[in-house]
Structures are given as C-alpha cells and as structure tokens.
Amino acid sequence: MLKDSRSGYGLVSIAIHWISAILILFLFGLGIYMVDLGYYDDWYHKGPELHISLGLVVLLLMLLRVVWRIVNPTPVELSAKRVQNLAAKLVKLGLYGFIFVVLISGYLITTAEGQPASMFNLIHFPVLIELSSQNVDLAGELHEYFAWGIVLLVALHVLGALFHHFIIRDRTLVRMLKPVKKSD
C-alpha cells in the first residue's frame, strides 16, 4: 500500500501529491494576499515568513517526489489514445518544471541580501548566490508569472482528471485517491 505499482499509486505518492497540491494552492493565495499588505498590517511580516517556510517545505516534498518517482514503478497509462497520454505527460512535466522555477526563484529572492532562507526558524537553507537588484526583480517576475502558470496547469490537470472520471470513466482519478492494494 505504501509503494506504487504498475496498476496504481501507493500511499506515499498520494500523500505527496495532495499535500503538495494543497500547499501550492495555499502559497499562491497567500502570495496574492501579501502583495496588497501595508507596513502596519499584522501579516506584513508574518505572511512572508509563512510563505517562505511553506515554500521550503514544498521544495523538500518535490525533491522527495522526484526521488520516489525514480525508485518506484510508474503506473501504466489507462488511456489507449496516444494524444491523451502525451497531453497528460506534458502537463505533469510542465507542473514539475514550473514548480521548480517558482521554488528556485523564491529561494533566490529570499536569500538575495545574503541571509539564509529559514523554514519555521528550525532549518536554515544557506545562501548559494547573491543577486543584484536587477536580477532580484527578474527573479520576482519569474516567480509571479510561473506561479500563474502553475495555476493554469493545475486547472488543466484537474479538468483532465475529471474528464477521465466522468466522460471516459476509467480509474485515473481513483488511482490518486485510493492506494493500490498490496496484491496489485
């Protein structure tokens, strides 16, 4: 039940998927909310600290996800149509790429002034490079635009899952909700 099999996803993949999804959508909403905060708003300092900490959690989850994907079998595609399988792969690949761009750009923005990125003040991620003010602005633009790109790709991902569930009526969505049994 923990590991993936050729017929479906295990509990670890499902947990990483849903925890990441919830955190990413929350981070997007928090990011939108923080843009309009004034200096005297309670969340002016709390918001960015939470945003950074949860972003670092997502970074660790994504690294775990990549390693887990490498060491586990990939469930077989349920669609017989190559175009649907290709579209699903491209959306997933796009999500991974966009998420890593947002995470890396966020890290670079956070550490731009030479201070480490802190995850709940428990773990400190060291500064690897310091950016000039021009490059910080570029990183900020990438962070914002790719975050919006993630939202669009998530919408496509959800629509695809719902299409499979309600129109094609296969197990695509169910496989990400219910872990595969040991015998599969």
C-alpha atoms as a PDB file:
ATOM      1  CA  MET A   1       0.000   0.000   0.000  1.00  0.00           C
ATOM      2  CA  LEU A   2       2.920   2.386   0.503  1.00  0.00           C
ATOM      3  CA  LYS A   3       4.715   1.839  -2.798  1.00  0.00           C
ATOM      4  CA  ASP A   4       3.468   2.398  -6.327  1.00  0.00           C
ATOM      5  CA  SER A   5       2.842  -0.490  -8.680  1.00  0.00           C
ATOM      6  CA  ARG A   6       2.147  -0.833 -12.393  1.00  0.00           C
ATOM      7  CA  SER A   7      -1.602  -0.693 -11.625  1.00  0.00           C
ATOM      8  CA  GLY A   8      -1.701   2.354  -9.337  1.00  0.00           C
ATOM      9  CA  TYR A   9      -0.196   4.733  -6.813  1.00  0.00           C
ATOM     10  CA  GLY A  10       0.749   3.882  -3.260  1.00  0.00           C
ATOM     11  CA  LEU A  11       0.037   5.894  -0.145  1.00  0.00           C
ATOM     12  CA  VAL A  12       3.370   7.767  -0.264  1.00  0.00           C
ATOM     13  CA  SER A  13       2.775   9.095  -3.808  1.00  0.00           C
ATOM     14  CA  ILE A  14      -0.815  10.003  -2.990  1.00  0.00           C
ATOM     15  CA  ALA A  15       0.174  11.823   0.207  1.00  0.00           C
ATOM     16  CA  ILE A  16       2.975  13.755  -1.519  1.00  0.00           C
ATOM     17  CA  HIS A  17       0.618  14.685  -4.362  1.00  0.00           C
ATOM     18  CA  TRP A  18      -2.218  16.013  -2.194  1.00  0.00           C
ATOM     19  CA  ILE A  19      -0.052  17.700   0.442  1.00  0.00           C
ATOM     20  CA  SER A  20       1.934  19.423  -2.318  1.00  0.00           C
ATOM     21  CA  ALA A  21      -1.241  20.452  -4.143  1.00  0.00           C
ATOM     22  CA  ILE A  22      -2.811  21.962  -1.024  1.00  0.00           C
ATOM     23  CA  LEU A  23       0.386  23.772  -0.044  1.00  0.00           C
ATOM     24  CA  ILE A  24       0.980  25.135  -3.548  1.00  0.00           C
ATOM     25  CA  LEU A  25      -2.560  26.475  -3.861  1.00  0.00           C
ATOM     26  CA  PHE A  26      -2.352  27.967  -0.347  1.00  0.00           C
ATOM     27  CA  LEU A  27       1.003  29.579  -1.190  1.00  0.00           C
ATOM     28  CA  PHE A  28      -0.474  31.063  -4.353  1.00  0.00           C
ATOM     29  CA  GLY A  29      -3.381  32.556  -2.407  1.00  0.00           C
ATOM     30  CA  LEU A  30      -1.060  33.841   0.315  1.00  0.00           C
ATOM     31  CA  GLY A  31       1.212  35.381  -2.311  1.00  0.00           C
ATOM     32  CA  ILE A  32      -1.722  37.216  -3.904  1.00  0.00           C
ATOM     33  CA  TYR A  33      -2.877  38.376  -0.452  1.00  0.00           C
ATOM     34  CA  MET A  34       0.580  39.624   0.591  1.00  0.00           C
ATOM     35  CA  VAL A  35       1.020  41.887  -2.434  1.00  0.00           C
ATOM     36  CA  ASP A  36      -1.501  44.411  -1.113  1.00  0.00           C
ATOM     37  CA  LEU A  37      -0.424  44.434   2.540  1.00  0.00           C
ATOM     38  CA  GLY A  38       0.672  47.698   4.076  1.00  0.00           C
ATOM     39  CA  TYR A  39       3.527  48.063   6.525  1.00  0.00           C
ATOM     40  CA  TYR A  40       1.163  48.245   9.523  1.00  0.00           C
ATOM     41  CA  ASP A  41      -0.862  45.169   8.596  1.00  0.00           C
ATOM     42  CA  ASP A  42      -0.406  42.256  11.021  1.00  0.00           C
ATOM     43  CA  TRP A  43       0.529  39.918   8.185  1.00  0.00           C
ATOM     44  CA  TYR A  44       3.107  42.248   6.616  1.00  0.00           C
ATOM     45  CA  HIS A  45       5.900  40.236   8.307  1.00  0.00           C
ATOM     46  CA  LYS A  46       4.038  37.042   9.245  1.00  0.00           C
ATOM     47  CA  GLY A  47       2.859  36.399   5.678  1.00  0.00           C
ATOM     48  CA  PRO A  48       6.279  36.363   4.022  1.00  0.00           C
ATOM     49  CA  GLU A  49       7.761  34.232   6.830  1.00  0.00           C
ATOM     50  CA  LEU A  50       4.982  31.662   6.413  1.00  0.00           C
ATOM     51  CA  HIS A  51       5.231  31.855   2.620  1.00  0.00           C
ATOM     52  CA  ILE A  52       8.983  31.203   2.718  1.00  0.00           C
ATOM     53  CA  SER A  53       8.705  28.386   5.272  1.00  0.00           C
ATOM     54  CA  LEU A  54       5.944  26.579   3.396  1.00  0.00           C
ATOM     55  CA  GLY A  55       7.764  27.141   0.097  1.00  0.00           C
ATOM     56  CA  LEU A  56      10.784  25.357   1.561  1.00  0.00           C
ATOM     57  CA  VAL A  57       8.511  22.520   2.719  1.00  0.00           C
ATOM     58  CA  VAL A  58       7.239  22.230  -0.860  1.00  0.00           C
ATOM     59  CA  LEU A  59      10.848  22.204  -2.107  1.00  0.00           C
ATOM     60  CA  LEU A  60      11.651  19.259   0.154  1.00  0.00           C
ATOM     61  CA  LEU A  61       8.440  17.488  -0.872  1.00  0.00           C
ATOM     62  CA  MET A  62       9.242  17.989  -4.550  1.00  0.00           C
ATOM     63  CA  LEU A  63      12.749  16.611  -4.105  1.00  0.00           C
ATOM     64  CA  LEU A  64      11.262  13.618  -2.256  1.00  0.00           C
ATOM     65  CA  ARG A  65       8.690  13.253  -5.033  1.00  0.00           C
ATOM     66  CA  VAL A  66      11.376  13.123  -7.730  1.00  0.00           C
ATOM     67  CA  VAL A  67      13.416  10.528  -5.814  1.00  0.00           C
ATOM     68  CA  TRP A  68      10.267   8.499  -5.072  1.00  0.00           C
ATOM     69  CA  ARG A  69       9.308   8.586  -8.764  1.00  0.00           C
ATOM     70  CA  ILE A  70      12.780   7.324  -9.748  1.00  0.00           C
ATOM     71  CA  VAL A  71      12.767   4.353  -7.348  1.00  0.00           C
ATOM     72  CA  ASN A  72       9.135   3.298  -7.897  1.00  0.00           C
ATOM     73  CA  PRO A  73       7.450   1.815 -10.934  1.00  0.00           C
ATOM     74  CA  THR A  74       5.269   4.185 -12.911  1.00  0.00           C
ATOM     75  CA  PRO A  75       1.645   3.055 -13.144  1.00  0.00           C
ATOM     76  CA  VAL A  76       0.576   2.136 -16.668  1.00  0.00           C
ATOM     77  CA  GLU A  77      -1.347   4.700 -18.686  1.00  0.00           C
ATOM     78  CA  LEU A  78      -5.049   3.971 -18.771  1.00  0.00           C
ATOM     79  CA  SER A  79      -5.857   5.784 -21.992  1.00  0.00           C
ATOM     80  CA  ALA A  80      -5.416   3.947 -25.267  1.00  0.00           C
ATOM     81  CA  LYS A  81      -5.110   7.290 -27.068  1.00  0.00           C
ATOM     82  CA  ARG A  82      -1.526   8.454 -27.500  1.00  0.00           C
ATOM     83  CA  VAL A  83      -2.575  12.109 -27.714  1.00  0.00           C
ATOM     84  CA  GLN A  84      -4.219  11.951 -24.265  1.00  0.00           C
ATOM     85  CA  ASN A  85      -1.186  10.243 -22.761  1.00  0.00           C
ATOM     86  CA  LEU A  86       1.133  12.809 -24.337  1.00  0.00           C
ATOM     87  CA  ALA A  87      -1.028  15.697 -23.079  1.00  0.00           C
ATOM     88  CA  ALA A  88      -1.033  14.240 -19.557  1.00  0.00           C
ATOM     89  CA  LYS A  89       2.751  13.812 -19.616  1.00  0.00           C
ATOM     90  CA  LEU A  90       3.285  17.352 -20.903  1.00  0.00           C
ATOM     91  CA  VAL A  91       1.030  18.861 -18.235  1.00  0.00           C
ATOM     92  CA  LYS A  92       2.784  16.864 -15.475  1.00  0.00           C
ATOM     93  CA  LEU A  93       6.208  17.788 -16.820  1.00  0.00           C
ATOM     94  CA  GLY A  94       5.104  21.416 -17.070  1.00  0.00           C
ATOM     95  CA  LEU A  95       3.876  21.348 -13.488  1.00  0.00           C
ATOM     96  CA  TYR A  96       7.156  19.925 -12.224  1.00  0.00           C
ATOM     97  CA  GLY A  97       9.173  22.462 -14.228  1.00  0.00           C
ATOM     98  CA  PHE A  98       7.045  25.467 -13.264  1.00  0.00           C
ATOM     99  CA  ILE A  99       7.008  24.455  -9.596  1.00  0.00           C
ATOM    100  CA  PHE A 100      10.801  24.194  -9.539  1.00  0.00           C
ATOM    101  CA  VAL A 101      11.157  27.582 -11.282  1.00  0.00           C
ATOM    102  CA  VAL A 102       8.891  29.171  -8.651  1.00  0.00           C
ATOM    103  CA  LEU A 103      10.717  27.438  -5.788  1.00  0.00           C
ATOM    104  CA  ILE A 104      14.186  28.375  -7.042  1.00  0.00           C
ATOM    105  CA  SER A 105      13.226  31.963  -7.848  1.00  0.00           C
ATOM    106  CA  GLY A 106      11.592  32.284  -4.413  1.00  0.00           C
ATOM    107  CA  TYR A 107      14.736  30.967  -2.762  1.00  0.00           C
ATOM    108  CA  LEU A 108      16.874  33.439  -4.752  1.00  0.00           C
ATOM    109  CA  ILE A 109      14.609  36.349  -3.783  1.00  0.00           C
ATOM    110  CA  THR A 110      14.698  35.291  -0.129  1.00  0.00           C
ATOM    111  CA  THR A 111      18.477  34.958   0.028  1.00  0.00           C
ATOM    112  CA  ALA A 112      19.266  37.953  -2.199  1.00  0.00           C
ATOM    113  CA  GLU A 113      20.513  40.072   0.704  1.00  0.00           C
ATOM    114  CA  GLY A 114      22.882  37.392   1.986  1.00  0.00           C
ATOM    115  CA  GLN A 115      20.604  35.955   4.692  1.00  0.00           C
ATOM    116  CA  PRO A 116      19.743  32.237   4.694  1.00  0.00           C
ATOM    117  CA  ALA A 117      16.190  31.106   3.974  1.00  0.00           C
ATOM    118  CA  SER A 118      14.538  29.904   7.168  1.00  0.00           C
ATOM    119  CA  MET A 119      11.982  27.121   7.413  1.00  0.00           C
ATOM    120  CA  PHE A 120       9.981  27.882  10.563  1.00  0.00           C
ATOM    121  CA  ASN A 121      13.233  29.047  12.173  1.00  0.00           C
ATOM    122  CA  LEU A 122      14.211  25.364  12.510  1.00  0.00           C
ATOM    123  CA  ILE A 123      16.180  24.709   9.345  1.00  0.00           C
ATOM    124  CA  HIS A 124      18.218  27.358   7.546  1.00  0.00           C
ATOM    125  CA  PHE A 125      18.975  26.968   3.864  1.00  0.00           C
ATOM    126  CA  PRO A 126      22.312  28.625   3.107  1.00  0.00           C
ATOM    127  CA  VAL A 127      22.864  31.396   0.602  1.00  0.00           C
ATOM    128  CA  LEU A 128      24.293  29.909  -2.561  1.00  0.00           C
ATOM    129  CA  ILE A 129      24.415  33.083  -4.637  1.00  0.00           C
ATOM    130  CA  GLU A 130      23.509  36.716  -4.057  1.00  0.00           C
ATOM    131  CA  LEU A 131      21.596  38.528  -6.777  1.00  0.00           C
ATOM    132  CA  SER A 132      21.940  42.099  -7.926  1.00  0.00           C
ATOM    133  CA  SER A 133      18.832  44.268  -7.546  1.00  0.00           C
ATOM    134  CA  GLN A 134      18.143  43.897 -11.279  1.00  0.00           C
ATOM    135  CA  ASN A 135      18.324  40.101 -11.014  1.00  0.00           C
ATOM    136  CA  VAL A 136      16.118  40.109  -7.906  1.00  0.00           C
ATOM    137  CA  ASP A 137      13.493  41.953  -9.949  1.00  0.00           C
ATOM    138  CA  LEU A 138      13.833  39.351 -12.711  1.00  0.00           C
ATOM    139  CA  ALA A 139      13.509  36.532 -10.167  1.00  0.00           C
ATOM    140  CA  GLY A 140      10.398  38.244  -8.789  1.00  0.00           C
ATOM    141  CA  GLU A 141       8.842  38.428 -12.242  1.00  0.00           C
ATOM    142  CA  LEU A 142       9.648  34.768 -12.917  1.00  0.00           C
ATOM    143  CA  HIS A 143       8.207  33.856  -9.512  1.00  0.00           C
ATOM    144  CA  GLU A 144       4.936  35.621 -10.265  1.00  0.00           C
ATOM    145  CA  TYR A 145       4.471  34.577 -13.894  1.00  0.00           C
ATOM    146  CA  PHE A 146       5.358  30.941 -13.315  1.00  0.00           C
ATOM    147  CA  ALA A 147       3.063  30.856 -10.257  1.00  0.00           C
ATOM    148  CA  TRP A 148       0.205  31.932 -12.523  1.00  0.00           C
ATOM    149  CA  GLY A 149       1.371  29.276 -14.996  1.00  0.00           C
ATOM    150  CA  ILE A 150       1.110  26.659 -12.251  1.00  0.00           C
ATOM    151  CA  VAL A 151      -2.487  27.703 -11.621  1.00  0.00           C
ATOM    152  CA  LEU A 152      -3.306  27.304 -15.324  1.00  0.00           C
ATOM    153  CA  LEU A 153      -1.597  23.905 -15.493  1.00  0.00           C
ATOM    154  CA  VAL A 154      -3.375  22.786 -12.308  1.00  0.00           C
ATOM    155  CA  ALA A 155      -6.682  23.747 -13.945  1.00  0.00           C
ATOM    156  CA  LEU A 156      -5.770  21.612 -16.993  1.00  0.00           C
ATOM    157  CA  HIS A 157      -4.682  18.773 -14.695  1.00  0.00           C
ATOM    158  CA  VAL A 158      -7.982  18.885 -12.776  1.00  0.00           C
ATOM    159  CA  LEU A 159     -10.039  19.099 -15.970  1.00  0.00           C
ATOM    160  CA  GLY A 160      -8.148  16.112 -17.359  1.00  0.00           C
ATOM    161  CA  ALA A 161      -8.779  14.082 -14.209  1.00  0.00           C
ATOM    162  CA  LEU A 162     -12.487  14.980 -14.239  1.00  0.00           C
ATOM    163  CA  PHE A 163     -12.685  14.181 -17.972  1.00  0.00           C
ATOM    164  CA  HIS A 164     -11.225  10.733 -17.299  1.00  0.00           C
ATOM    165  CA  HIS A 165     -13.542  10.146 -14.350  1.00  0.00           C
ATOM    166  CA  PHE A 166     -16.857  11.351 -15.761  1.00  0.00           C
ATOM    167  CA  ILE A 167     -16.502  11.044 -19.550  1.00  0.00           C
ATOM    168  CA  ILE A 168     -14.056   8.199 -20.196  1.00  0.00           C
ATOM    169  CA  ARG A 169     -14.974   6.523 -16.883  1.00  0.00           C
ATOM    170  CA  ASP A 170     -11.580   4.995 -16.181  1.00  0.00           C
ATOM    171  CA  ARG A 171      -9.621   4.766 -12.901  1.00  0.00           C
ATOM    172  CA  THR A 172      -7.291   7.756 -13.494  1.00  0.00           C
ATOM    173  CA  LEU A 173      -8.747   9.905 -10.705  1.00  0.00           C
ATOM    174  CA  VAL A 174      -9.468   6.984  -8.371  1.00  0.00           C
ATOM    175  CA  ARG A 175      -5.811   5.885  -8.552  1.00  0.00           C
ATOM    176  CA  MET A 176      -4.785   9.221  -6.981  1.00  0.00           C
ATOM    177  CA  LEU A 177      -7.425   8.946  -4.247  1.00  0.00           C
ATOM    178  CA  LYS A 178      -7.147   5.309  -3.180  1.00  0.00           C
ATOM    179  CA  PRO A 179      -3.817   3.500  -2.674  1.00  0.00           C
ATOM    180  CA  VAL A 180      -3.155   0.379  -4.693  1.00  0.00           C
ATOM    181  CA  LYS A 181      -3.546  -2.840  -2.727  1.00  0.00           C
ATOM    182  CA  LYS A 182      -0.524  -4.977  -1.994  1.00  0.00           C
ATOM    183  CA  SER A 183      -1.551  -7.686  -4.475  1.00  0.00           C
ATOM    184  CA  ASP A 184      -1.658  -5.227  -7.435  1.00  0.00           C
END
